[in-house]
Amino acid sequence: MAVYILSYLSMKLTNLIPFFGILLMLLIVETGAVLFAPLMKSAGITAFEDPTSLTDPVIFIVIMLAFTLFLLVLIRANHLKLISAVIGLSIWLTFVYIFQALVFPLLSDPLLGLGLAVLLGALASLLLYRYPEWYVIDGLGLLLGAGVAAIFGVSLGLLPVLLLLLLLAVYDAISVYRTKHMIALAEGVIGLKTPILFVVPKKRDYSFIRDGVGDLGGDGERGAFIIGMGDLIMPSILVVSAAVFLPATLPLGLNLPALGAMAGSVVGLAVLLWFVNTGKPQAGLPPLNGGTILGFLLGCAATGAWAWLTLL
């Protein structure tokens, strides 16, 4: 009996290891984004001019919907190479912004810094597309996710971020459970092995290049867990915004509302992973964004940091 119990516990622990890996990646993206935030501000890299504008989240949603529709049209028309080119260009441009912020404090010549950022961005993008193994995708994905979250976190104040996360959670639920177009988009993109997701293997000998992840809409066993890059980026935006727009009272420029947002995102991700274990595709942003917002509000309640509400 003891042998069977130990075997069962070992099996359950093996299944939990990928889950802990995803949780760790979320914390890395959030922490990295907070550290990147001052660099983005110093380099003048922002997505919106007015961080208090409530129209910015709407603009964000409209652009995202237009890009999603564009990709779905290309998938239906089977223009796979064009999809790879569009996504590759987007990834390269994002890397350029991130590397530009990193080299900005080191080089006095802005033109030289931009040139170096362009070169580093090209090398990172080339590595992703020439060798899209899971650890390459995850490693550079963490850098990409932290950089994007930092850019939007310093660009959006607390109210706009809260509005954005609420709108995205509703949209994600509709696109996965009702229209199901997000599943079609994910299958089309993953079929190209496009590096815009995080891949966590279930087995040691797993290869994303060789094995892929299987059919997202089916009930068969897949070789790896996957989670969209956006699912880790969106909660991180609120963490960064709280760290930037509220006084820092903790190490790394954090404060209790930002820390509460991080804790809430971890709880939300744990809930998501619990449902993902059923083998069916799940909308990630409702539990993730919901947990992050709740943790942030609890942090505000604990410290009395409600000054941002005066913008209503």
C-alpha atoms as a PDB file:
ATOM      1  CA  MET A   1       0.000   0.000   0.000  1.00  0.00           C
ATOM      2  CA  ALA A   2       2.828   2.431   0.870  1.00  0.00           C
ATOM      3  CA  VAL A   3       4.389   1.830  -2.560  1.00  0.00           C
ATOM      4  CA  TYR A   4       1.124   2.708  -4.304  1.00  0.00           C
ATOM      5  CA  ILE A   5       0.714   5.865  -2.192  1.00  0.00           C
ATOM      6  CA  LEU A   6       4.263   7.024  -2.951  1.00  0.00           C
ATOM      7  CA  SER A   7       3.763   6.285  -6.657  1.00  0.00           C
ATOM      8  CA  TYR A   8       0.518   8.302  -6.655  1.00  0.00           C
ATOM      9  CA  LEU A   9       2.110  11.227  -4.840  1.00  0.00           C
ATOM     10  CA  SER A  10       5.076  11.167  -7.242  1.00  0.00           C
ATOM     11  CA  MET A  11       2.699  11.250 -10.208  1.00  0.00           C
ATOM     12  CA  LYS A  12       0.756  14.181  -8.757  1.00  0.00           C
ATOM     13  CA  LEU A  13       3.971  16.069  -7.993  1.00  0.00           C
ATOM     14  CA  THR A  14       5.177  15.526 -11.560  1.00  0.00           C
ATOM     15  CA  ASN A  15       1.939  17.007 -12.844  1.00  0.00           C
ATOM     16  CA  LEU A  16       2.306  20.003 -10.520  1.00  0.00           C
ATOM     17  CA  ILE A  17       5.860  20.901 -11.576  1.00  0.00           C
ATOM     18  CA  PRO A  18       4.747  22.586 -14.852  1.00  0.00           C
ATOM     19  CA  PHE A  19       2.138  24.543 -12.895  1.00  0.00           C
ATOM     20  CA  PHE A  20       4.785  25.862 -10.510  1.00  0.00           C
ATOM     21  CA  GLY A  21       6.898  26.743 -13.552  1.00  0.00           C
ATOM     22  CA  ILE A  22       4.095  28.931 -14.955  1.00  0.00           C
ATOM     23  CA  LEU A  23       3.581  30.598 -11.562  1.00  0.00           C
ATOM     24  CA  LEU A  24       7.298  31.335 -11.381  1.00  0.00           C
ATOM     25  CA  MET A  25       7.263  32.837 -14.872  1.00  0.00           C
ATOM     26  CA  LEU A  26       4.412  35.160 -13.881  1.00  0.00           C
ATOM     27  CA  LEU A  27       6.418  36.448 -10.914  1.00  0.00           C
ATOM     28  CA  ILE A  28       9.503  36.886 -13.111  1.00  0.00           C
ATOM     29  CA  VAL A  29       7.532  38.928 -15.668  1.00  0.00           C
ATOM     30  CA  GLU A  30       6.005  41.102 -12.933  1.00  0.00           C
ATOM     31  CA  THR A  31       9.291  41.683 -11.132  1.00  0.00           C
ATOM     32  CA  GLY A  32      11.135  42.314 -14.382  1.00  0.00           C
ATOM     33  CA  ALA A  33       8.463  44.779 -15.494  1.00  0.00           C
ATOM     34  CA  VAL A  34       8.790  46.743 -12.251  1.00  0.00           C
ATOM     35  CA  LEU A  35      12.562  46.892 -12.711  1.00  0.00           C
ATOM     36  CA  PHE A  36      12.185  47.904 -16.367  1.00  0.00           C
ATOM     37  CA  ALA A  37       9.693  50.689 -15.593  1.00  0.00           C
ATOM     38  CA  PRO A  38      12.244  53.379 -14.557  1.00  0.00           C
ATOM     39  CA  LEU A  39      14.329  52.553 -17.632  1.00  0.00           C
ATOM     40  CA  MET A  40      11.323  52.997 -19.913  1.00  0.00           C
ATOM     41  CA  LYS A  41      10.510  56.343 -18.328  1.00  0.00           C
ATOM     42  CA  SER A  42      14.107  57.543 -18.590  1.00  0.00           C
ATOM     43  CA  ALA A  43      14.279  56.547 -22.259  1.00  0.00           C
ATOM     44  CA  GLY A  44      10.935  58.239 -22.956  1.00  0.00           C
ATOM     45  CA  ILE A  45       9.359  54.994 -24.204  1.00  0.00           C
ATOM     46  CA  THR A  46       5.607  55.113 -23.566  1.00  0.00           C
ATOM     47  CA  ALA A  47       2.513  53.880 -25.384  1.00  0.00           C
ATOM     48  CA  PHE A  48       0.232  56.828 -24.557  1.00  0.00           C
ATOM     49  CA  GLU A  49       0.897  60.492 -23.823  1.00  0.00           C
ATOM     50  CA  ASP A  50      -1.666  61.020 -21.033  1.00  0.00           C
ATOM     51  CA  PRO A  51      -1.607  58.245 -18.408  1.00  0.00           C
ATOM     52  CA  THR A  52      -4.887  59.482 -16.861  1.00  0.00           C
ATOM     53  CA  SER A  53      -6.972  59.317 -20.050  1.00  0.00           C
ATOM     54  CA  LEU A  54      -9.808  56.798 -19.912  1.00  0.00           C
ATOM     55  CA  THR A  55      -9.945  56.693 -23.703  1.00  0.00           C
ATOM     56  CA  ASP A  56      -6.571  54.941 -23.898  1.00  0.00           C
ATOM     57  CA  PRO A  57      -7.950  51.524 -22.815  1.00  0.00           C
ATOM     58  CA  VAL A  58     -10.644  51.831 -25.483  1.00  0.00           C
ATOM     59  CA  ILE A  59      -8.009  52.639 -28.110  1.00  0.00           C
ATOM     60  CA  PHE A  60      -6.017  49.616 -26.898  1.00  0.00           C
ATOM     61  CA  ILE A  61      -9.051  47.332 -27.288  1.00  0.00           C
ATOM     62  CA  VAL A  62      -9.913  48.666 -30.746  1.00  0.00           C
ATOM     63  CA  ILE A  63      -6.354  48.151 -32.012  1.00  0.00           C
ATOM     64  CA  MET A  64      -6.272  44.644 -30.532  1.00  0.00           C
ATOM     65  CA  LEU A  65      -9.620  43.732 -32.145  1.00  0.00           C
ATOM     66  CA  ALA A  66      -8.449  45.047 -35.513  1.00  0.00           C
ATOM     67  CA  PHE A  67      -5.194  43.069 -35.302  1.00  0.00           C
ATOM     68  CA  THR A  68      -7.066  39.920 -34.228  1.00  0.00           C
ATOM     69  CA  LEU A  69      -9.492  40.250 -37.140  1.00  0.00           C
ATOM     70  CA  PHE A  70      -6.578  40.785 -39.510  1.00  0.00           C
ATOM     71  CA  LEU A  71      -4.870  37.593 -38.323  1.00  0.00           C
ATOM     72  CA  LEU A  72      -8.103  35.564 -38.502  1.00  0.00           C
ATOM     73  CA  VAL A  73      -8.623  36.678 -42.108  1.00  0.00           C
ATOM     74  CA  LEU A  74      -5.070  35.646 -42.961  1.00  0.00           C
ATOM     75  CA  ILE A  75      -5.526  32.275 -41.240  1.00  0.00           C
ATOM     76  CA  ARG A  76      -8.742  31.589 -43.147  1.00  0.00           C
ATOM     77  CA  ALA A  77      -7.041  32.596 -46.405  1.00  0.00           C
ATOM     78  CA  ASN A  78      -4.121  30.300 -45.483  1.00  0.00           C
ATOM     79  CA  HIS A  79      -1.549  33.103 -45.786  1.00  0.00           C
ATOM     80  CA  LEU A  80       0.671  31.478 -43.188  1.00  0.00           C
ATOM     81  CA  LYS A  81       3.933  33.054 -44.315  1.00  0.00           C
ATOM     82  CA  LEU A  82       2.416  36.511 -44.155  1.00  0.00           C
ATOM     83  CA  ILE A  83       1.205  35.807 -40.590  1.00  0.00           C
ATOM     84  CA  SER A  84       4.716  34.778 -39.579  1.00  0.00           C
ATOM     85  CA  ALA A  85       6.138  37.924 -41.165  1.00  0.00           C
ATOM     86  CA  VAL A  86       3.636  40.239 -39.428  1.00  0.00           C
ATOM     87  CA  ILE A  87       4.158  38.661 -36.014  1.00  0.00           C
ATOM     88  CA  GLY A  88       7.914  38.542 -36.537  1.00  0.00           C
ATOM     89  CA  LEU A  89       8.012  42.246 -37.378  1.00  0.00           C
ATOM     90  CA  SER A  90       5.956  43.039 -34.281  1.00  0.00           C
ATOM     91  CA  ILE A  91       8.284  40.998 -32.084  1.00  0.00           C
ATOM     92  CA  TRP A  92      11.366  42.657 -33.573  1.00  0.00           C
ATOM     93  CA  LEU A  93      10.001  46.177 -33.035  1.00  0.00           C
ATOM     94  CA  THR A  94       9.125  45.321 -29.431  1.00  0.00           C
ATOM     95  CA  PHE A  95      12.612  43.980 -28.811  1.00  0.00           C
ATOM     96  CA  VAL A  96      14.050  47.198 -30.261  1.00  0.00           C
ATOM     97  CA  TYR A  97      12.134  49.272 -27.702  1.00  0.00           C
ATOM     98  CA  ILE A  98      13.209  46.999 -24.859  1.00  0.00           C
ATOM     99  CA  PHE A  99      16.895  46.957 -25.801  1.00  0.00           C
ATOM    100  CA  GLN A 100      16.803  50.695 -26.419  1.00  0.00           C
ATOM    101  CA  ALA A 101      15.692  51.221 -22.813  1.00  0.00           C
ATOM    102  CA  LEU A 102      18.408  48.854 -21.574  1.00  0.00           C
ATOM    103  CA  VAL A 103      21.280  50.506 -23.465  1.00  0.00           C
ATOM    104  CA  PHE A 104      20.013  54.084 -22.987  1.00  0.00           C
ATOM    105  CA  PRO A 105      21.807  54.619 -19.629  1.00  0.00           C
ATOM    106  CA  LEU A 106      25.044  53.094 -20.998  1.00  0.00           C
ATOM    107  CA  LEU A 107      25.553  55.070 -24.202  1.00  0.00           C
ATOM    108  CA  SER A 108      25.740  58.845 -24.542  1.00  0.00           C
ATOM    109  CA  ASP A 109      24.999  58.794 -28.278  1.00  0.00           C
ATOM    110  CA  PRO A 110      21.235  58.145 -28.861  1.00  0.00           C
ATOM    111  CA  LEU A 111      21.821  57.159 -32.490  1.00  0.00           C
ATOM    112  CA  LEU A 112      24.416  54.580 -31.485  1.00  0.00           C
ATOM    113  CA  GLY A 113      22.055  53.259 -28.830  1.00  0.00           C
ATOM    114  CA  LEU A 114      19.252  52.912 -31.360  1.00  0.00           C
ATOM    115  CA  GLY A 115      21.545  51.102 -33.773  1.00  0.00           C
ATOM    116  CA  LEU A 116      22.640  48.684 -31.061  1.00  0.00           C
ATOM    117  CA  ALA A 117      19.012  48.101 -30.050  1.00  0.00           C
ATOM    118  CA  VAL A 118      18.060  47.364 -33.654  1.00  0.00           C
ATOM    119  CA  LEU A 119      20.914  44.850 -33.931  1.00  0.00           C
ATOM    120  CA  LEU A 120      20.122  43.129 -30.615  1.00  0.00           C
ATOM    121  CA  GLY A 121      16.436  43.012 -31.495  1.00  0.00           C
ATOM    122  CA  ALA A 122      17.242  41.404 -34.836  1.00  0.00           C
ATOM    123  CA  LEU A 123      19.472  38.793 -33.186  1.00  0.00           C
ATOM    124  CA  ALA A 124      16.825  37.931 -30.565  1.00  0.00           C
ATOM    125  CA  SER A 125      14.091  37.669 -33.217  1.00  0.00           C
ATOM    126  CA  LEU A 126      16.317  35.576 -35.468  1.00  0.00           C
ATOM    127  CA  LEU A 127      17.044  33.165 -32.621  1.00  0.00           C
ATOM    128  CA  LEU A 128      13.327  32.790 -31.906  1.00  0.00           C
ATOM    129  CA  TYR A 129      12.484  31.983 -35.498  1.00  0.00           C
ATOM    130  CA  ARG A 130      15.509  29.891 -36.383  1.00  0.00           C
ATOM    131  CA  TYR A 131      15.436  27.779 -33.223  1.00  0.00           C
ATOM    132  CA  PRO A 132      11.980  27.966 -31.574  1.00  0.00           C
ATOM    133  CA  GLU A 133      12.674  25.435 -28.850  1.00  0.00           C
ATOM    134  CA  TRP A 134      10.591  25.820 -25.696  1.00  0.00           C
ATOM    135  CA  TYR A 135      13.411  27.131 -23.496  1.00  0.00           C
ATOM    136  CA  VAL A 136      14.400  29.732 -26.100  1.00  0.00           C
ATOM    137  CA  ILE A 137      10.778  30.853 -26.425  1.00  0.00           C
ATOM    138  CA  ASP A 138      10.336  31.019 -22.645  1.00  0.00           C
ATOM    139  CA  GLY A 139      13.643  32.769 -21.960  1.00  0.00           C
ATOM    140  CA  LEU A 140      13.190  35.524 -24.531  1.00  0.00           C
ATOM    141  CA  GLY A 141       9.454  35.570 -23.808  1.00  0.00           C
ATOM    142  CA  LEU A 142      10.146  36.569 -20.210  1.00  0.00           C
ATOM    143  CA  LEU A 143      12.201  39.513 -21.466  1.00  0.00           C
ATOM    144  CA  LEU A 144       9.539  40.413 -24.009  1.00  0.00           C
ATOM    145  CA  GLY A 145       6.696  40.125 -21.500  1.00  0.00           C
ATOM    146  CA  ALA A 146       8.439  42.199 -18.841  1.00  0.00           C
ATOM    147  CA  GLY A 147       9.307  44.903 -21.370  1.00  0.00           C
ATOM    148  CA  VAL A 148       5.779  45.169 -22.794  1.00  0.00           C
ATOM    149  CA  ALA A 149       4.222  45.249 -19.318  1.00  0.00           C
ATOM    150  CA  ALA A 150       6.650  48.000 -18.301  1.00  0.00           C
ATOM    151  CA  ILE A 151       5.828  50.113 -21.374  1.00  0.00           C
ATOM    152  CA  PHE A 152       2.078  49.972 -20.775  1.00  0.00           C
ATOM    153  CA  GLY A 153       2.445  50.160 -16.995  1.00  0.00           C
ATOM    154  CA  VAL A 154       4.228  53.521 -17.158  1.00  0.00           C
ATOM    155  CA  SER A 155       1.796  54.736 -19.845  1.00  0.00           C
ATOM    156  CA  LEU A 156      -1.492  54.004 -18.067  1.00  0.00           C
ATOM    157  CA  GLY A 157      -2.572  55.317 -14.681  1.00  0.00           C
ATOM    158  CA  LEU A 158      -4.464  53.174 -12.203  1.00  0.00           C
ATOM    159  CA  LEU A 159      -8.012  53.911 -13.370  1.00  0.00           C
ATOM    160  CA  PRO A 160      -7.230  53.325 -17.063  1.00  0.00           C
ATOM    161  CA  VAL A 161      -5.448  50.058 -16.203  1.00  0.00           C
ATOM    162  CA  LEU A 162      -8.370  48.818 -14.113  1.00  0.00           C
ATOM    163  CA  LEU A 163     -10.757  49.640 -16.954  1.00  0.00           C
ATOM    164  CA  LEU A 164      -8.469  47.899 -19.446  1.00  0.00           C
ATOM    165  CA  LEU A 165      -8.206  44.715 -17.371  1.00  0.00           C
ATOM    166  CA  LEU A 166     -11.986  44.561 -16.880  1.00  0.00           C
ATOM    167  CA  LEU A 167     -12.680  45.023 -20.602  1.00  0.00           C
ATOM    168  CA  LEU A 168     -10.065  42.437 -21.563  1.00  0.00           C
ATOM    169  CA  ALA A 169     -11.451  39.878 -19.093  1.00  0.00           C
ATOM    170  CA  VAL A 170     -14.935  40.218 -20.601  1.00  0.00           C
ATOM    171  CA  TYR A 171     -13.578  40.046 -24.146  1.00  0.00           C
ATOM    172  CA  ASP A 172     -11.433  36.994 -23.378  1.00  0.00           C
ATOM    173  CA  ALA A 173     -14.378  35.110 -21.896  1.00  0.00           C
ATOM    174  CA  ILE A 174     -16.575  35.877 -24.921  1.00  0.00           C
ATOM    175  CA  SER A 175     -13.841  34.998 -27.443  1.00  0.00           C
ATOM    176  CA  VAL A 176     -13.094  31.624 -25.823  1.00  0.00           C
ATOM    177  CA  TYR A 177     -16.487  30.404 -24.604  1.00  0.00           C
ATOM    178  CA  ARG A 178     -18.965  32.004 -27.035  1.00  0.00           C
ATOM    179  CA  THR A 179     -17.460  32.956 -30.387  1.00  0.00           C
ATOM    180  CA  LYS A 180     -14.443  30.630 -29.893  1.00  0.00           C
ATOM    181  CA  HIS A 181     -12.432  32.711 -32.365  1.00  0.00           C
ATOM    182  CA  MET A 182      -9.571  32.984 -29.865  1.00  0.00           C
ATOM    183  CA  ILE A 183      -9.169  29.196 -29.977  1.00  0.00           C
ATOM    184  CA  ALA A 184      -9.024  29.310 -33.782  1.00  0.00           C
ATOM    185  CA  LEU A 185      -6.473  32.107 -33.612  1.00  0.00           C
ATOM    186  CA  ALA A 186      -4.345  30.244 -31.059  1.00  0.00           C
ATOM    187  CA  GLU A 187      -4.388  27.026 -33.100  1.00  0.00           C
ATOM    188  CA  GLY A 188      -3.409  28.902 -36.251  1.00  0.00           C
ATOM    189  CA  VAL A 189      -0.545  30.739 -34.586  1.00  0.00           C
ATOM    190  CA  ILE A 190       0.737  27.748 -32.614  1.00  0.00           C
ATOM    191  CA  GLY A 191       0.683  25.640 -35.767  1.00  0.00           C
ATOM    192  CA  LEU A 192       3.319  28.012 -37.117  1.00  0.00           C
ATOM    193  CA  LYS A 193       5.341  27.610 -33.901  1.00  0.00           C
ATOM    194  CA  THR A 194       5.206  31.390 -33.541  1.00  0.00           C
ATOM    195  CA  PRO A 195       6.934  32.472 -30.303  1.00  0.00           C
ATOM    196  CA  ILE A 196       4.142  34.511 -28.693  1.00  0.00           C
ATOM    197  CA  LEU A 197       3.377  32.110 -25.859  1.00  0.00           C
ATOM    198  CA  PHE A 198       5.005  30.314 -22.966  1.00  0.00           C
ATOM    199  CA  VAL A 199       5.550  26.568 -23.216  1.00  0.00           C
ATOM    200  CA  VAL A 200       6.034  24.358 -20.151  1.00  0.00           C
ATOM    201  CA  PRO A 201       6.892  20.725 -20.953  1.00  0.00           C
ATOM    202  CA  LYS A 202       5.246  17.827 -19.154  1.00  0.00           C
ATOM    203  CA  LYS A 203       8.157  15.476 -19.911  1.00  0.00           C
ATOM    204  CA  ARG A 204      11.937  15.850 -19.912  1.00  0.00           C
ATOM    205  CA  ASP A 205      12.383  14.761 -23.528  1.00  0.00           C
ATOM    206  CA  TYR A 206       9.760  17.175 -24.857  1.00  0.00           C
ATOM    207  CA  SER A 207      10.659  19.315 -27.883  1.00  0.00           C
ATOM    208  CA  PHE A 208       8.412  22.112 -29.104  1.00  0.00           C
ATOM    209  CA  ILE A 209      10.079  22.000 -32.514  1.00  0.00           C
ATOM    210  CA  ARG A 210       9.450  18.269 -32.857  1.00  0.00           C
ATOM    211  CA  ASP A 211       6.233  17.714 -30.905  1.00  0.00           C
ATOM    212  CA  GLY A 212       4.284  20.970 -30.893  1.00  0.00           C
ATOM    213  CA  VAL A 213       1.390  21.006 -28.412  1.00  0.00           C
ATOM    214  CA  GLY A 214      -1.384  19.147 -30.209  1.00  0.00           C
ATOM    215  CA  ASP A 215      -4.988  20.167 -30.812  1.00  0.00           C
ATOM    216  CA  LEU A 216      -6.138  22.894 -28.412  1.00  0.00           C
ATOM    217  CA  GLY A 217      -9.776  22.030 -28.906  1.00  0.00           C
ATOM    218  CA  GLY A 218      -9.400  18.299 -28.349  1.00  0.00           C
ATOM    219  CA  ASP A 219      -9.331  16.163 -25.222  1.00  0.00           C
ATOM    220  CA  GLY A 220      -6.135  14.256 -26.064  1.00  0.00           C
ATOM    221  CA  GLU A 221      -2.979  14.347 -24.025  1.00  0.00           C
ATOM    222  CA  ARG A 222      -0.643  17.169 -24.999  1.00  0.00           C
ATOM    223  CA  GLY A 223       3.110  17.248 -24.497  1.00  0.00           C
ATOM    224  CA  ALA A 224       3.193  20.640 -22.815  1.00  0.00           C
ATOM    225  CA  PHE A 225       1.117  23.258 -21.086  1.00  0.00           C
ATOM    226  CA  ILE A 226       0.884  26.548 -22.920  1.00  0.00           C
ATOM    227  CA  ILE A 227      -0.230  29.978 -21.800  1.00  0.00           C
ATOM    228  CA  GLY A 228      -0.498  33.070 -23.942  1.00  0.00           C
ATOM    229  CA  MET A 229       2.079  35.766 -23.396  1.00  0.00           C
ATOM    230  CA  GLY A 230      -0.723  38.260 -22.908  1.00  0.00           C
ATOM    231  CA  ASP A 231      -2.044  36.264 -19.956  1.00  0.00           C
ATOM    232  CA  LEU A 232       1.131  37.068 -18.016  1.00  0.00           C
ATOM    233  CA  ILE A 233       1.549  40.589 -19.394  1.00  0.00           C
ATOM    234  CA  MET A 234      -1.890  42.001 -18.536  1.00  0.00           C
ATOM    235  CA  PRO A 235      -1.790  41.438 -14.757  1.00  0.00           C
ATOM    236  CA  SER A 236       1.779  42.763 -14.735  1.00  0.00           C
ATOM    237  CA  ILE A 237       0.602  46.090 -16.175  1.00  0.00           C
ATOM    238  CA  LEU A 238      -1.413  46.801 -13.023  1.00  0.00           C
ATOM    239  CA  VAL A 239       1.557  45.818 -10.837  1.00  0.00           C
ATOM    240  CA  VAL A 240       3.773  48.299 -12.697  1.00  0.00           C
ATOM    241  CA  SER A 241       1.134  51.045 -12.672  1.00  0.00           C
ATOM    242  CA  ALA A 242       0.676  50.659  -8.907  1.00  0.00           C
ATOM    243  CA  ALA A 243       4.456  50.789  -8.387  1.00  0.00           C
ATOM    244  CA  VAL A 244       4.832  53.862 -10.616  1.00  0.00           C
ATOM    245  CA  PHE A 245       1.812  55.956  -9.635  1.00  0.00           C
ATOM    246  CA  LEU A 246       1.712  55.202  -5.899  1.00  0.00           C
ATOM    247  CA  PRO A 247       4.499  56.036  -3.399  1.00  0.00           C
ATOM    248  CA  ALA A 248       7.137  53.328  -3.012  1.00  0.00           C
ATOM    249  CA  THR A 249       7.252  51.952   0.537  1.00  0.00           C
ATOM    250  CA  LEU A 250       8.882  48.570  -0.110  1.00  0.00           C
ATOM    251  CA  PRO A 251      12.089  47.352  -1.811  1.00  0.00           C
ATOM    252  CA  LEU A 252      12.376  47.395  -5.617  1.00  0.00           C
ATOM    253  CA  GLY A 253      10.094  50.428  -5.772  1.00  0.00           C
ATOM    254  CA  LEU A 254       7.053  48.402  -4.725  1.00  0.00           C
ATOM    255  CA  ASN A 255       4.245  49.241  -2.339  1.00  0.00           C
ATOM    256  CA  LEU A 256       1.495  47.215  -0.685  1.00  0.00           C
ATOM    257  CA  PRO A 257      -1.098  47.710  -3.475  1.00  0.00           C
ATOM    258  CA  ALA A 258       1.469  46.557  -6.071  1.00  0.00           C
ATOM    259  CA  LEU A 259       2.424  43.609  -3.888  1.00  0.00           C
ATOM    260  CA  GLY A 260      -1.269  42.820  -3.383  1.00  0.00           C
ATOM    261  CA  ALA A 261      -1.739  42.841  -7.165  1.00  0.00           C
ATOM    262  CA  MET A 262       1.136  40.371  -7.525  1.00  0.00           C
ATOM    263  CA  ALA A 263      -0.315  38.080  -4.858  1.00  0.00           C
ATOM    264  CA  GLY A 264      -3.772  38.306  -6.407  1.00  0.00           C
ATOM    265  CA  SER A 265      -2.420  37.442  -9.851  1.00  0.00           C
ATOM    266  CA  VAL A 266      -0.744  34.330  -8.435  1.00  0.00           C
ATOM    267  CA  VAL A 267      -4.037  33.227  -6.856  1.00  0.00           C
ATOM    268  CA  GLY A 268      -5.866  33.944 -10.121  1.00  0.00           C
ATOM    269  CA  LEU A 269      -3.306  31.961 -12.096  1.00  0.00           C
ATOM    270  CA  ALA A 270      -3.582  29.047  -9.653  1.00  0.00           C
ATOM    271  CA  VAL A 271      -7.363  29.026 -10.205  1.00  0.00           C
ATOM    272  CA  LEU A 272      -6.834  29.124 -13.968  1.00  0.00           C
ATOM    273  CA  LEU A 273      -4.354  26.239 -13.879  1.00  0.00           C
ATOM    274  CA  TRP A 274      -6.787  24.206 -11.812  1.00  0.00           C
ATOM    275  CA  PHE A 275      -9.371  24.463 -14.605  1.00  0.00           C
ATOM    276  CA  VAL A 276      -6.751  24.026 -17.351  1.00  0.00           C
ATOM    277  CA  ASN A 277      -5.955  20.632 -15.844  1.00  0.00           C
ATOM    278  CA  THR A 278      -9.285  19.424 -17.257  1.00  0.00           C
ATOM    279  CA  GLY A 279      -7.627  19.471 -20.687  1.00  0.00           C
ATOM    280  CA  LYS A 280      -9.962  22.019 -22.251  1.00  0.00           C
ATOM    281  CA  PRO A 281      -9.013  25.553 -23.362  1.00  0.00           C
ATOM    282  CA  GLN A 282      -9.813  28.200 -20.779  1.00  0.00           C
ATOM    283  CA  ALA A 283     -10.091  31.965 -20.885  1.00  0.00           C
ATOM    284  CA  GLY A 284      -7.090  33.118 -18.863  1.00  0.00           C
ATOM    285  CA  LEU A 285      -7.855  36.771 -18.214  1.00  0.00           C
ATOM    286  CA  PRO A 286     -11.069  36.504 -16.142  1.00  0.00           C
ATOM    287  CA  PRO A 287      -9.381  34.751 -13.176  1.00  0.00           C
ATOM    288  CA  LEU A 288      -6.006  36.423 -13.749  1.00  0.00           C
ATOM    289  CA  ASN A 289      -7.275  39.982 -14.054  1.00  0.00           C
ATOM    290  CA  GLY A 290      -9.929  39.408 -11.399  1.00  0.00           C
ATOM    291  CA  GLY A 291      -7.375  38.145  -8.875  1.00  0.00           C
ATOM    292  CA  THR A 292      -4.952  40.953  -9.691  1.00  0.00           C
ATOM    293  CA  ILE A 293      -7.600  43.661  -9.277  1.00  0.00           C
ATOM    294  CA  LEU A 294      -8.871  42.159  -6.018  1.00  0.00           C
ATOM    295  CA  GLY A 295      -5.343  41.924  -4.597  1.00  0.00           C
ATOM    296  CA  PHE A 296      -4.645  45.527  -5.620  1.00  0.00           C
ATOM    297  CA  LEU A 297      -7.837  46.779  -3.960  1.00  0.00           C
ATOM    298  CA  LEU A 298      -7.041  44.864  -0.768  1.00  0.00           C
ATOM    299  CA  GLY A 299      -3.601  46.495  -0.753  1.00  0.00           C
ATOM    300  CA  CYS A 300      -5.219  49.914  -1.155  1.00  0.00           C
ATOM    301  CA  ALA A 301      -7.638  49.137   1.671  1.00  0.00           C
ATOM    302  CA  ALA A 302      -4.771  48.119   3.945  1.00  0.00           C
ATOM    303  CA  THR A 303      -2.830  51.340   3.315  1.00  0.00           C
ATOM    304  CA  GLY A 304      -5.638  53.801   2.621  1.00  0.00           C
ATOM    305  CA  ALA A 305      -4.178  54.523  -0.828  1.00  0.00           C
ATOM    306  CA  TRP A 306      -7.366  55.763  -2.471  1.00  0.00           C
ATOM    307  CA  ALA A 307      -6.123  59.096  -3.852  1.00  0.00           C
ATOM    308  CA  TRP A 308      -6.308  57.757  -7.411  1.00  0.00           C
ATOM    309  CA  LEU A 309     -10.114  57.590  -7.059  1.00  0.00           C
ATOM    310  CA  THR A 310     -10.265  61.378  -7.118  1.00  0.00           C
ATOM    311  CA  LEU A 311      -9.726  61.150 -10.886  1.00  0.00           C
ATOM    312  CA  LEU A 312     -13.257  59.760 -11.274  1.00  0.00           C
END
